[in-house]
Amino acid sequence: MKFRFYAFWLAAIMIVIFGIQFVFPSFTEYFLLKSFSDSLSEPWRFLTAVFLHGGLAHLILNLFALLVFGSVLERFVGGGRFLAVFLVTGILANLFSSLFYDSSLGASGAIFGIIGTLIYIRPSMTVWAFGLPMPLFVAGILWAVGDLLGAYGFFAGNPISNTGNLAHLSGMFFGLVFGMFYRRLVQRRARKVNVSLDERDVRNWERHYLGR
């Protein structure tokens, strides 16, 4: 399974699209996610909204998370499987969140899908979150709790209350489902690593370094 830098390609696409949004503000209206009933008649919105962003800070945060976590996941499962996680969890998160929001946009659902997959296949991987190093599954729990509080209006009046918390939560859930299948793949790959040594190489090393 080759590393194809798909996270970088996706990031480049998002940057280009954000530039188009900046130059042509009306562009966003045609491709953002609307409510489920409105988007159902225009189904491309469930995909295109993944690549749109509401501002520079929104874009930068998502690009950082995509490049970090996306590259790690692609390293474990390969380019094609990583791309499947990003696209499928992004679309499913949009389908779910469209039942609750009048409109939304951004790659957060897909990025949390990536994180959810990583949580299942590498739960003890150390990440830096909330100013501290911690296992990924702990960070995932804290992020999920924060989104649950946000979904219930705990952060009302705070800029964070404008976050698509349900897209995050549903994306992470669908990512965990992907992780259930990918973990077996990663484990099989680990077992296939060949660590055997050729006897002739060992004897040559002994003669060269030990004088035997």
N, C-alpha and C. Protein backbone atom coordinates (compact mmCIF):
# COMPACT_ATOMS: atom_id res chain seq x y z
N MET A 1 0.84 -1.19 0.00
CA MET A 1 0.00 0.00 0.00
C MET A 1 0.88 1.25 0.00
N LYS A 2 0.78 2.03 -1.06
CA LYS A 2 1.65 3.18 -1.22
C LYS A 2 1.06 4.41 -0.53
N PHE A 3 1.96 5.24 -0.04
CA PHE A 3 1.58 6.53 0.53
C PHE A 3 1.52 7.53 -0.62
N ARG A 4 0.34 8.03 -0.91
CA ARG A 4 0.14 8.87 -2.09
C ARG A 4 -0.10 10.34 -1.76
N PHE A 5 0.10 10.73 -0.50
CA PHE A 5 -0.04 12.13 -0.10
C PHE A 5 -1.44 12.68 -0.39
N TYR A 6 -2.46 11.84 -0.21
CA TYR A 6 -3.82 12.28 -0.50
C TYR A 6 -4.27 13.40 0.43
N ALA A 7 -3.81 13.39 1.68
CA ALA A 7 -4.18 14.48 2.59
C ALA A 7 -3.68 15.82 2.05
N PHE A 8 -2.51 15.84 1.46
CA PHE A 8 -1.96 17.07 0.89
C PHE A 8 -2.74 17.51 -0.34
N TRP A 9 -3.14 16.53 -1.17
CA TRP A 9 -3.94 16.86 -2.35
C TRP A 9 -5.30 17.41 -1.93
N LEU A 10 -5.92 16.80 -0.94
CA LEU A 10 -7.20 17.30 -0.46
C LEU A 10 -7.05 18.71 0.11
N ALA A 11 -5.97 18.94 0.84
CA ALA A 11 -5.72 20.27 1.40
C ALA A 11 -5.56 21.30 0.28
N ALA A 12 -4.85 20.93 -0.78
CA ALA A 12 -4.66 21.84 -1.91
C ALA A 12 -5.99 22.17 -2.57
N ILE A 13 -6.84 21.18 -2.73
CA ILE A 13 -8.16 21.41 -3.32
C ILE A 13 -8.96 22.38 -2.46
N MET A 14 -8.91 22.20 -1.14
CA MET A 14 -9.66 23.08 -0.25
C MET A 14 -9.15 24.52 -0.33
N ILE A 15 -7.84 24.68 -0.45
CA ILE A 15 -7.26 26.03 -0.56
C ILE A 15 -7.74 26.71 -1.83
N VAL A 16 -7.73 25.97 -2.94
CA VAL A 16 -8.19 26.53 -4.22
C VAL A 16 -9.66 26.92 -4.13
N ILE A 17 -10.47 26.04 -3.57
CA ILE A 17 -11.91 26.31 -3.45
C ILE A 17 -12.15 27.50 -2.53
N PHE A 18 -11.37 27.62 -1.45
CA PHE A 18 -11.53 28.77 -0.57
C PHE A 18 -11.20 30.06 -1.32
N GLY A 19 -10.20 30.01 -2.19
CA GLY A 19 -9.88 31.18 -3.01
C GLY A 19 -11.05 31.55 -3.92
N ILE A 20 -11.71 30.55 -4.49
CA ILE A 20 -12.88 30.81 -5.33
C ILE A 20 -14.01 31.42 -4.49
N GLN A 21 -14.20 30.88 -3.27
CA GLN A 21 -15.22 31.45 -2.38
C GLN A 21 -14.94 32.92 -2.08
N PHE A 22 -13.67 33.24 -1.90
CA PHE A 22 -13.28 34.61 -1.56
C PHE A 22 -13.56 35.56 -2.73
N VAL A 23 -13.25 35.11 -3.94
CA VAL A 23 -13.42 35.96 -5.12
C VAL A 23 -14.89 36.03 -5.55
N PHE A 24 -15.59 34.90 -5.44
CA PHE A 24 -16.99 34.83 -5.84
C PHE A 24 -17.84 34.37 -4.65
N PRO A 25 -18.25 35.29 -3.77
CA PRO A 25 -18.98 34.90 -2.56
C PRO A 25 -20.25 34.10 -2.83
N SER A 26 -20.90 34.33 -3.96
CA SER A 26 -22.14 33.60 -4.26
C SER A 26 -21.88 32.12 -4.55
N PHE A 27 -20.63 31.77 -4.83
CA PHE A 27 -20.26 30.38 -5.11
C PHE A 27 -20.64 29.46 -3.95
N THR A 28 -20.43 29.96 -2.73
CA THR A 28 -20.69 29.14 -1.54
C THR A 28 -22.15 28.71 -1.47
N GLU A 29 -23.05 29.61 -1.82
CA GLU A 29 -24.48 29.33 -1.70
C GLU A 29 -24.92 28.13 -2.54
N TYR A 30 -24.26 27.90 -3.65
CA TYR A 30 -24.65 26.81 -4.55
C TYR A 30 -24.16 25.44 -4.08
N PHE A 31 -23.20 25.42 -3.14
CA PHE A 31 -22.56 24.15 -2.79
C PHE A 31 -22.55 23.82 -1.30
N LEU A 32 -22.97 24.76 -0.43
CA LEU A 32 -23.01 24.43 0.98
C LEU A 32 -24.15 23.47 1.29
N LEU A 33 -24.10 22.88 2.47
CA LEU A 33 -25.14 21.94 2.87
C LEU A 33 -26.33 22.70 3.44
N LYS A 34 -27.52 22.35 2.95
CA LYS A 34 -28.75 22.91 3.49
C LYS A 34 -29.45 21.85 4.33
N SER A 35 -30.65 22.13 4.77
CA SER A 35 -31.41 21.15 5.53
C SER A 35 -31.63 19.90 4.69
N PHE A 36 -31.94 18.80 5.36
CA PHE A 36 -32.06 17.52 4.66
C PHE A 36 -33.07 17.59 3.52
N SER A 37 -34.22 18.17 3.76
CA SER A 37 -35.25 18.23 2.72
C SER A 37 -34.81 19.05 1.52
N ASP A 38 -34.10 20.15 1.77
CA ASP A 38 -33.61 20.97 0.66
C ASP A 38 -32.45 20.33 -0.07
N SER A 39 -31.56 19.67 0.67
CA SER A 39 -30.38 19.06 0.05
C SER A 39 -30.72 17.77 -0.69
N LEU A 40 -31.82 17.14 -0.31
CA LEU A 40 -32.17 15.87 -0.95
C LEU A 40 -32.44 16.05 -2.44
N SER A 41 -32.97 17.19 -2.81
CA SER A 41 -33.21 17.46 -4.23
C SER A 41 -31.96 17.95 -4.94
N GLU A 42 -30.92 18.27 -4.18
CA GLU A 42 -29.63 18.70 -4.73
C GLU A 42 -28.53 17.92 -4.02
N PRO A 43 -28.44 16.61 -4.26
CA PRO A 43 -27.60 15.72 -3.44
C PRO A 43 -26.11 16.00 -3.50
N TRP A 44 -25.65 16.73 -4.51
CA TRP A 44 -24.22 17.03 -4.55
C TRP A 44 -23.76 17.82 -3.32
N ARG A 45 -24.70 18.49 -2.66
CA ARG A 45 -24.34 19.31 -1.51
C ARG A 45 -23.76 18.48 -0.36
N PHE A 46 -24.17 17.23 -0.26
CA PHE A 46 -23.65 16.38 0.82
C PHE A 46 -22.14 16.15 0.66
N LEU A 47 -21.64 16.23 -0.56
CA LEU A 47 -20.21 16.09 -0.82
C LEU A 47 -19.52 17.44 -0.91
N THR A 48 -20.07 18.37 -1.70
CA THR A 48 -19.36 19.63 -1.95
C THR A 48 -19.17 20.46 -0.68
N ALA A 49 -20.11 20.35 0.26
CA ALA A 49 -19.98 21.13 1.50
C ALA A 49 -18.73 20.76 2.29
N VAL A 50 -18.23 19.53 2.08
CA VAL A 50 -17.02 19.09 2.78
C VAL A 50 -15.84 19.99 2.43
N PHE A 51 -15.81 20.52 1.21
CA PHE A 51 -14.64 21.26 0.73
C PHE A 51 -14.79 22.77 0.89
N LEU A 52 -15.88 23.22 1.48
CA LEU A 52 -16.10 24.65 1.70
C LEU A 52 -15.75 25.03 3.13
N HIS A 53 -15.39 26.31 3.33
CA HIS A 53 -15.09 26.78 4.69
C HIS A 53 -15.63 28.19 4.88
N GLY A 54 -15.96 28.48 6.14
CA GLY A 54 -16.61 29.73 6.45
C GLY A 54 -15.67 30.90 6.73
N GLY A 55 -14.38 30.66 6.76
CA GLY A 55 -13.42 31.72 7.02
C GLY A 55 -12.01 31.17 7.06
N LEU A 56 -11.03 32.07 7.12
CA LEU A 56 -9.63 31.65 7.08
C LEU A 56 -9.26 30.80 8.29
N ALA A 57 -9.73 31.19 9.48
CA ALA A 57 -9.41 30.41 10.69
C ALA A 57 -10.01 29.01 10.60
N HIS A 58 -11.23 28.92 10.12
CA HIS A 58 -11.89 27.63 9.92
C HIS A 58 -11.07 26.75 8.98
N LEU A 59 -10.61 27.34 7.89
CA LEU A 59 -9.81 26.60 6.91
C LEU A 59 -8.49 26.13 7.51
N ILE A 60 -7.78 27.01 8.19
CA ILE A 60 -6.46 26.67 8.73
C ILE A 60 -6.55 25.55 9.76
N LEU A 61 -7.52 25.63 10.65
CA LEU A 61 -7.69 24.58 11.66
C LEU A 61 -7.97 23.23 11.02
N ASN A 62 -8.84 23.22 10.02
CA ASN A 62 -9.16 21.96 9.36
C ASN A 62 -7.99 21.42 8.54
N LEU A 63 -7.25 22.31 7.90
CA LEU A 63 -6.08 21.86 7.13
C LEU A 63 -5.03 21.25 8.05
N PHE A 64 -4.80 21.88 9.19
CA PHE A 64 -3.82 21.35 10.14
C PHE A 64 -4.21 19.96 10.59
N ALA A 65 -5.46 19.79 11.00
CA ALA A 65 -5.92 18.47 11.47
C ALA A 65 -5.89 17.45 10.35
N LEU A 66 -6.28 17.86 9.14
CA LEU A 66 -6.28 16.93 8.00
C LEU A 66 -4.88 16.45 7.68
N LEU A 67 -3.91 17.37 7.64
CA LEU A 67 -2.55 17.00 7.28
C LEU A 67 -1.91 16.11 8.35
N VAL A 68 -2.18 16.42 9.61
CA VAL A 68 -1.57 15.63 10.70
C VAL A 68 -2.21 14.26 10.80
N PHE A 69 -3.50 14.22 11.07
CA PHE A 69 -4.17 12.93 11.29
C PHE A 69 -4.36 12.16 9.99
N GLY A 70 -4.63 12.89 8.91
CA GLY A 70 -4.82 12.22 7.63
C GLY A 70 -3.57 11.52 7.15
N SER A 71 -2.42 12.16 7.30
CA SER A 71 -1.17 11.53 6.87
C SER A 71 -0.84 10.30 7.70
N VAL A 72 -1.13 10.37 9.01
CA VAL A 72 -0.88 9.21 9.87
C VAL A 72 -1.78 8.05 9.46
N LEU A 73 -3.06 8.33 9.23
CA LEU A 73 -3.98 7.25 8.84
C LEU A 73 -3.60 6.65 7.50
N GLU A 74 -3.24 7.51 6.55
CA GLU A 74 -2.84 6.99 5.24
C GLU A 74 -1.60 6.10 5.36
N ARG A 75 -0.70 6.45 6.26
CA ARG A 75 0.50 5.64 6.46
C ARG A 75 0.13 4.23 6.95
N PHE A 76 -0.93 4.13 7.76
CA PHE A 76 -1.33 2.84 8.30
C PHE A 76 -2.15 2.00 7.33
N VAL A 77 -3.07 2.63 6.60
CA VAL A 77 -4.05 1.86 5.82
C VAL A 77 -3.90 2.02 4.31
N GLY A 78 -3.07 2.95 3.86
CA GLY A 78 -2.91 3.16 2.42
C GLY A 78 -3.78 4.30 1.90
N GLY A 79 -3.40 4.81 0.73
CA GLY A 79 -4.06 5.98 0.17
C GLY A 79 -5.53 5.78 -0.14
N GLY A 80 -5.86 4.68 -0.83
CA GLY A 80 -7.24 4.44 -1.23
C GLY A 80 -8.17 4.31 -0.04
N ARG A 81 -7.76 3.58 0.97
CA ARG A 81 -8.60 3.39 2.16
C ARG A 81 -8.73 4.68 2.95
N PHE A 82 -7.66 5.46 3.01
CA PHE A 82 -7.76 6.76 3.67
C PHE A 82 -8.77 7.65 2.96
N LEU A 83 -8.69 7.68 1.63
CA LEU A 83 -9.61 8.52 0.86
C LEU A 83 -11.05 8.07 1.07
N ALA A 84 -11.27 6.76 1.17
CA ALA A 84 -12.61 6.25 1.43
C ALA A 84 -13.13 6.75 2.77
N VAL A 85 -12.29 6.73 3.80
CA VAL A 85 -12.70 7.23 5.11
C VAL A 85 -13.09 8.70 5.02
N PHE A 86 -12.26 9.50 4.39
CA PHE A 86 -12.52 10.94 4.30
C PHE A 86 -13.83 11.23 3.60
N LEU A 87 -14.03 10.64 2.44
CA LEU A 87 -15.21 10.95 1.63
C LEU A 87 -16.49 10.36 2.23
N VAL A 88 -16.43 9.10 2.63
CA VAL A 88 -17.64 8.44 3.13
C VAL A 88 -18.08 9.03 4.46
N THR A 89 -17.15 9.22 5.40
CA THR A 89 -17.55 9.79 6.69
C THR A 89 -17.98 11.24 6.54
N GLY A 90 -17.35 11.96 5.62
CA GLY A 90 -17.77 13.34 5.38
C GLY A 90 -19.20 13.42 4.86
N ILE A 91 -19.53 12.56 3.91
CA ILE A 91 -20.89 12.54 3.35
C ILE A 91 -21.90 12.08 4.39
N LEU A 92 -21.58 11.01 5.12
CA LEU A 92 -22.51 10.51 6.13
C LEU A 92 -22.72 11.51 7.26
N ALA A 93 -21.65 12.18 7.67
CA ALA A 93 -21.78 13.21 8.71
C ALA A 93 -22.68 14.34 8.22
N ASN A 94 -22.56 14.70 6.95
CA ASN A 94 -23.42 15.75 6.40
C ASN A 94 -24.87 15.29 6.31
N LEU A 95 -25.07 14.03 5.93
CA LEU A 95 -26.43 13.50 5.89
C LEU A 95 -27.09 13.60 7.27
N PHE A 96 -26.35 13.21 8.29
CA PHE A 96 -26.89 13.23 9.65
C PHE A 96 -27.12 14.66 10.13
N SER A 97 -26.12 15.51 9.97
CA SER A 97 -26.22 16.87 10.51
C SER A 97 -27.27 17.70 9.76
N SER A 98 -27.56 17.36 8.50
CA SER A 98 -28.57 18.11 7.75
C SER A 98 -29.96 17.94 8.34
N LEU A 99 -30.14 16.92 9.19
CA LEU A 99 -31.42 16.72 9.87
C LEU A 99 -31.63 17.74 10.98
N PHE A 100 -30.54 18.42 11.40
CA PHE A 100 -30.61 19.30 12.57
C PHE A 100 -30.24 20.75 12.26
N TYR A 101 -29.43 20.97 11.20
CA TYR A 101 -28.97 22.32 10.89
C TYR A 101 -29.63 22.81 9.61
N ASP A 102 -29.92 24.11 9.57
CA ASP A 102 -30.47 24.71 8.35
C ASP A 102 -29.41 24.81 7.25
N SER A 103 -28.16 24.99 7.65
CA SER A 103 -27.06 25.05 6.68
C SER A 103 -25.75 24.80 7.42
N SER A 104 -24.77 24.27 6.71
CA SER A 104 -23.45 24.04 7.30
C SER A 104 -22.45 23.81 6.18
N LEU A 105 -21.18 23.88 6.53
CA LEU A 105 -20.10 23.65 5.57
C LEU A 105 -18.83 23.33 6.33
N GLY A 106 -17.88 22.70 5.65
CA GLY A 106 -16.60 22.40 6.28
C GLY A 106 -16.27 20.92 6.27
N ALA A 107 -14.98 20.63 6.46
CA ALA A 107 -14.47 19.26 6.42
C ALA A 107 -14.41 18.61 7.78
N SER A 108 -14.98 19.24 8.80
CA SER A 108 -14.83 18.74 10.16
C SER A 108 -15.38 17.33 10.34
N GLY A 109 -16.54 17.05 9.74
CA GLY A 109 -17.11 15.71 9.87
C GLY A 109 -16.19 14.65 9.32
N ALA A 110 -15.58 14.93 8.15
CA ALA A 110 -14.64 13.98 7.54
C ALA A 110 -13.37 13.85 8.38
N ILE A 111 -12.90 14.96 8.94
CA ILE A 111 -11.68 14.92 9.77
C ILE A 111 -11.93 14.14 11.05
N PHE A 112 -13.09 14.32 11.65
CA PHE A 112 -13.40 13.51 12.83
C PHE A 112 -13.61 12.05 12.46
N GLY A 113 -14.00 11.79 11.21
CA GLY A 113 -14.05 10.41 10.74
C GLY A 113 -12.66 9.80 10.71
N ILE A 114 -11.68 10.57 10.26
CA ILE A 114 -10.29 10.13 10.26
C ILE A 114 -9.83 9.86 11.69
N ILE A 115 -10.15 10.79 12.58
CA ILE A 115 -9.74 10.63 13.98
C ILE A 115 -10.39 9.40 14.60
N GLY A 116 -11.68 9.20 14.31
CA GLY A 116 -12.37 8.02 14.84
C GLY A 116 -11.73 6.72 14.37
N THR A 117 -11.34 6.68 13.10
CA THR A 117 -10.67 5.48 12.57
C THR A 117 -9.35 5.25 13.28
N LEU A 118 -8.59 6.32 13.47
CA LEU A 118 -7.31 6.20 14.17
C LEU A 118 -7.49 5.77 15.62
N ILE A 119 -8.54 6.26 16.27
CA ILE A 119 -8.79 5.88 17.66
C ILE A 119 -8.95 4.37 17.77
N TYR A 120 -9.62 3.77 16.79
CA TYR A 120 -9.87 2.34 16.86
C TYR A 120 -8.62 1.52 16.54
N ILE A 121 -7.81 1.98 15.57
CA ILE A 121 -6.66 1.16 15.18
C ILE A 121 -5.39 1.49 15.95
N ARG A 122 -5.30 2.71 16.51
CA ARG A 122 -4.13 3.11 17.29
C ARG A 122 -4.57 3.93 18.51
N PRO A 123 -5.30 3.34 19.44
CA PRO A 123 -5.86 4.11 20.56
C PRO A 123 -4.81 4.72 21.47
N SER A 124 -3.64 4.10 21.57
CA SER A 124 -2.61 4.59 22.50
C SER A 124 -1.63 5.56 21.86
N MET A 125 -1.85 5.90 20.60
CA MET A 125 -0.96 6.84 19.93
C MET A 125 -0.98 8.18 20.66
N THR A 126 0.18 8.73 20.96
CA THR A 126 0.25 9.97 21.71
C THR A 126 -0.02 11.18 20.82
N VAL A 127 -0.91 12.04 21.27
CA VAL A 127 -1.21 13.29 20.56
C VAL A 127 -1.12 14.43 21.55
N TRP A 128 -0.99 15.65 21.03
CA TRP A 128 -0.96 16.83 21.87
C TRP A 128 -2.33 17.49 21.79
N ALA A 129 -3.06 17.49 22.89
CA ALA A 129 -4.40 18.07 22.91
C ALA A 129 -4.62 18.79 24.23
N PHE A 130 -5.33 19.90 24.18
CA PHE A 130 -5.63 20.69 25.38
C PHE A 130 -4.36 21.08 26.14
N GLY A 131 -3.28 21.26 25.38
CA GLY A 131 -2.02 21.68 25.98
C GLY A 131 -1.24 20.58 26.66
N LEU A 132 -1.67 19.31 26.47
CA LEU A 132 -1.00 18.19 27.13
C LEU A 132 -0.83 17.02 26.17
N PRO A 133 0.24 16.22 26.34
CA PRO A 133 0.33 14.97 25.58
C PRO A 133 -0.56 13.92 26.23
N MET A 134 -1.27 13.17 25.42
CA MET A 134 -2.18 12.15 25.95
C MET A 134 -2.46 11.11 24.88
N PRO A 135 -2.94 9.90 25.29
CA PRO A 135 -3.32 8.89 24.30
C PRO A 135 -4.47 9.41 23.43
N LEU A 136 -4.50 8.99 22.20
CA LEU A 136 -5.50 9.48 21.26
C LEU A 136 -6.92 9.18 21.74
N PHE A 137 -7.13 8.01 22.34
CA PHE A 137 -8.50 7.68 22.74
C PHE A 137 -8.99 8.60 23.86
N VAL A 138 -8.07 9.06 24.71
CA VAL A 138 -8.44 10.01 25.76
C VAL A 138 -8.81 11.35 25.13
N ALA A 139 -7.99 11.81 24.20
CA ALA A 139 -8.30 13.06 23.51
C ALA A 139 -9.64 12.95 22.78
N GLY A 140 -9.89 11.77 22.17
CA GLY A 140 -11.15 11.57 21.47
C GLY A 140 -12.34 11.67 22.41
N ILE A 141 -12.21 11.11 23.60
CA ILE A 141 -13.29 11.19 24.58
C ILE A 141 -13.54 12.65 24.98
N LEU A 142 -12.47 13.39 25.22
CA LEU A 142 -12.61 14.79 25.61
C LEU A 142 -13.23 15.62 24.49
N TRP A 143 -12.80 15.38 23.24
CA TRP A 143 -13.40 16.09 22.11
C TRP A 143 -14.88 15.75 21.99
N ALA A 144 -15.22 14.48 22.17
CA ALA A 144 -16.62 14.06 22.06
C ALA A 144 -17.47 14.70 23.16
N VAL A 145 -16.93 14.75 24.38
CA VAL A 145 -17.66 15.38 25.49
C VAL A 145 -17.89 16.86 25.19
N GLY A 146 -16.86 17.52 24.67
CA GLY A 146 -17.00 18.93 24.31
C GLY A 146 -18.07 19.15 23.26
N ASP A 147 -18.14 18.26 22.28
CA ASP A 147 -19.16 18.38 21.24
C ASP A 147 -20.55 18.07 21.78
N LEU A 148 -20.64 17.12 22.70
CA LEU A 148 -21.94 16.83 23.31
C LEU A 148 -22.45 18.05 24.08
N LEU A 149 -21.55 18.68 24.84
CA LEU A 149 -21.94 19.89 25.57
C LEU A 149 -22.34 21.00 24.61
N GLY A 150 -21.59 21.11 23.53
CA GLY A 150 -21.92 22.12 22.54
C GLY A 150 -23.25 21.86 21.86
N ALA A 151 -23.54 20.59 21.57
CA ALA A 151 -24.80 20.23 20.93
C ALA A 151 -25.99 20.55 21.82
N TYR A 152 -25.79 20.50 23.13
CA TYR A 152 -26.87 20.79 24.07
C TYR A 152 -26.90 22.27 24.49
N GLY A 153 -26.10 23.10 23.80
CA GLY A 153 -26.17 24.53 24.03
C GLY A 153 -25.38 25.03 25.21
N PHE A 154 -24.46 24.22 25.72
CA PHE A 154 -23.68 24.63 26.89
C PHE A 154 -22.83 25.86 26.60
N PHE A 155 -22.39 26.01 25.32
CA PHE A 155 -21.51 27.12 24.96
C PHE A 155 -22.28 28.26 24.30
N ALA A 156 -23.58 28.34 24.52
CA ALA A 156 -24.37 29.39 23.90
C ALA A 156 -23.79 30.77 24.24
N GLY A 157 -23.70 31.63 23.24
CA GLY A 157 -23.13 32.95 23.43
C GLY A 157 -21.64 33.00 23.21
N ASN A 158 -21.00 31.84 23.04
CA ASN A 158 -19.57 31.75 22.78
C ASN A 158 -19.37 31.43 21.30
N PRO A 159 -18.30 31.96 20.66
CA PRO A 159 -18.07 31.64 19.25
C PRO A 159 -18.04 30.15 18.95
N ILE A 160 -17.66 29.33 19.93
CA ILE A 160 -17.59 27.90 19.69
C ILE A 160 -18.98 27.31 19.48
N SER A 161 -20.03 28.04 19.89
CA SER A 161 -21.39 27.54 19.75
C SER A 161 -21.82 27.48 18.29
N ASN A 162 -21.06 28.11 17.41
CA ASN A 162 -21.37 28.08 15.98
C ASN A 162 -20.79 26.84 15.30
N THR A 163 -20.18 25.96 16.08
CA THR A 163 -19.54 24.76 15.56
C THR A 163 -20.59 23.68 15.27
N GLY A 164 -20.34 22.90 14.19
CA GLY A 164 -21.23 21.79 13.86
C GLY A 164 -20.93 20.58 14.71
N ASN A 165 -21.33 20.64 15.98
CA ASN A 165 -20.98 19.57 16.92
C ASN A 165 -21.51 18.21 16.49
N LEU A 166 -22.72 18.17 15.94
CA LEU A 166 -23.30 16.89 15.54
C LEU A 166 -22.57 16.30 14.34
N ALA A 167 -22.02 17.15 13.49
CA ALA A 167 -21.20 16.65 12.39
C ALA A 167 -19.93 16.00 12.91
N HIS A 168 -19.34 16.60 13.95
CA HIS A 168 -18.15 16.03 14.58
C HIS A 168 -18.46 14.66 15.18
N LEU A 169 -19.53 14.61 15.97
CA LEU A 169 -19.87 13.38 16.66
C LEU A 169 -20.23 12.26 15.69
N SER A 170 -21.03 12.57 14.68
CA SER A 170 -21.41 11.54 13.72
C SER A 170 -20.22 11.12 12.88
N GLY A 171 -19.35 12.07 12.50
CA GLY A 171 -18.14 11.72 11.75
C GLY A 171 -17.25 10.79 12.54
N MET A 172 -17.07 11.07 13.84
CA MET A 172 -16.25 10.20 14.68
C MET A 172 -16.87 8.80 14.79
N PHE A 173 -18.20 8.74 14.93
CA PHE A 173 -18.88 7.45 15.01
C PHE A 173 -18.64 6.63 13.75
N PHE A 174 -18.84 7.22 12.59
CA PHE A 174 -18.65 6.48 11.34
C PHE A 174 -17.18 6.11 11.15
N GLY A 175 -16.28 6.97 11.64
CA GLY A 175 -14.86 6.64 11.60
C GLY A 175 -14.53 5.43 12.45
N LEU A 176 -15.15 5.32 13.62
CA LEU A 176 -14.94 4.15 14.47
C LEU A 176 -15.40 2.88 13.76
N VAL A 177 -16.48 2.97 13.00
CA VAL A 177 -16.96 1.81 12.24
C VAL A 177 -15.91 1.40 11.20
N PHE A 178 -15.35 2.37 10.50
CA PHE A 178 -14.27 2.06 9.56
C PHE A 178 -13.10 1.41 10.31
N GLY A 179 -12.79 1.94 11.48
CA GLY A 179 -11.68 1.41 12.25
C GLY A 179 -11.85 -0.05 12.63
N MET A 180 -13.07 -0.49 12.84
CA MET A 180 -13.33 -1.89 13.16
C MET A 180 -12.83 -2.81 12.06
N PHE A 181 -12.98 -2.37 10.82
CA PHE A 181 -12.53 -3.18 9.68
C PHE A 181 -11.04 -2.98 9.39
N TYR A 182 -10.57 -1.76 9.52
CA TYR A 182 -9.18 -1.47 9.18
C TYR A 182 -8.20 -1.99 10.21
N ARG A 183 -8.64 -2.13 11.46
CA ARG A 183 -7.72 -2.60 12.49
C ARG A 183 -7.20 -4.00 12.17
N ARG A 184 -8.07 -4.85 11.66
CA ARG A 184 -7.65 -6.20 11.27
C ARG A 184 -6.60 -6.14 10.17
N LEU A 185 -6.80 -5.22 9.23
CA LEU A 185 -5.83 -5.06 8.14
C LEU A 185 -4.48 -4.65 8.69
N VAL A 186 -4.46 -3.67 9.59
CA VAL A 186 -3.20 -3.18 10.17
C VAL A 186 -2.51 -4.28 10.95
N GLN A 187 -3.29 -5.07 11.70
CA GLN A 187 -2.71 -6.17 12.48
C GLN A 187 -2.12 -7.23 11.57
N ARG A 188 -2.80 -7.54 10.46
CA ARG A 188 -2.26 -8.53 9.51
C ARG A 188 -0.97 -8.04 8.89
N ARG A 189 -0.92 -6.77 8.56
CA ARG A 189 0.32 -6.21 7.99
C ARG A 189 1.46 -6.30 8.98
N ALA A 190 1.18 -6.04 10.26
CA ALA A 190 2.23 -6.09 11.29
C ALA A 190 2.77 -7.51 11.43
N ARG A 191 1.88 -8.51 11.33
CA ARG A 191 2.33 -9.91 11.47
C ARG A 191 3.15 -10.37 10.29
N LYS A 192 2.97 -9.71 9.14
CA LYS A 192 3.67 -10.14 7.94
C LYS A 192 5.07 -9.55 7.82
N VAL A 193 5.41 -8.64 8.74
CA VAL A 193 6.75 -8.03 8.69
C VAL A 193 7.79 -9.11 8.91
N ASN A 194 8.74 -9.22 8.01
CA ASN A 194 9.75 -10.27 8.06
C ASN A 194 10.98 -9.77 8.82
N VAL A 195 11.24 -10.39 9.95
CA VAL A 195 12.39 -9.98 10.75
C VAL A 195 13.47 -11.07 10.78
N SER A 196 13.36 -12.09 9.92
CA SER A 196 14.33 -13.18 9.91
C SER A 196 15.64 -12.72 9.29
N LEU A 197 16.72 -13.36 9.70
CA LEU A 197 18.04 -13.04 9.20
C LEU A 197 18.59 -14.24 8.43
N ASP A 198 19.25 -13.96 7.34
CA ASP A 198 19.87 -15.02 6.57
C ASP A 198 21.11 -15.52 7.32
N GLU A 199 21.28 -16.86 7.40
CA GLU A 199 22.38 -17.44 8.16
C GLU A 199 23.73 -17.01 7.62
N ARG A 200 23.84 -16.93 6.30
CA ARG A 200 25.12 -16.51 5.71
C ARG A 200 25.47 -15.09 6.11
N ASP A 201 24.46 -14.21 6.17
CA ASP A 201 24.73 -12.83 6.59
C ASP A 201 25.23 -12.79 8.03
N VAL A 202 24.64 -13.62 8.88
CA VAL A 202 25.08 -13.67 10.28
C VAL A 202 26.52 -14.14 10.37
N ARG A 203 26.87 -15.22 9.60
CA ARG A 203 28.25 -15.74 9.64
C ARG A 203 29.24 -14.72 9.11
N ASN A 204 28.89 -14.01 8.02
CA ASN A 204 29.77 -12.98 7.48
C ASN A 204 29.99 -11.87 8.49
N TRP A 205 28.90 -11.50 9.21
CA TRP A 205 29.02 -10.46 10.22
C TRP A 205 29.94 -10.92 11.35
N GLU A 206 29.82 -12.18 11.76
CA GLU A 206 30.67 -12.70 12.82
C GLU A 206 32.13 -12.70 12.40
N ARG A 207 32.41 -13.14 11.16
CA ARG A 207 33.81 -13.16 10.69
C ARG A 207 34.39 -11.75 10.60
N HIS A 208 33.55 -10.82 10.14
CA HIS A 208 34.05 -9.48 9.93
C HIS A 208 34.30 -8.72 11.24
N TYR A 209 33.35 -8.85 12.18
CA TYR A 209 33.41 -8.04 13.40
C TYR A 209 33.93 -8.81 14.61
N LEU A 210 33.81 -10.14 14.60
CA LEU A 210 34.24 -10.94 15.76
C LEU A 210 35.46 -11.79 15.48
N GLY A 211 35.86 -11.81 14.21
CA GLY A 211 37.05 -12.58 13.86
C GLY A 211 36.84 -14.08 13.95
N ARG A 212 35.60 -14.55 13.79
CA ARG A 212 35.34 -15.98 13.92
C ARG A 212 35.36 -16.62 12.53
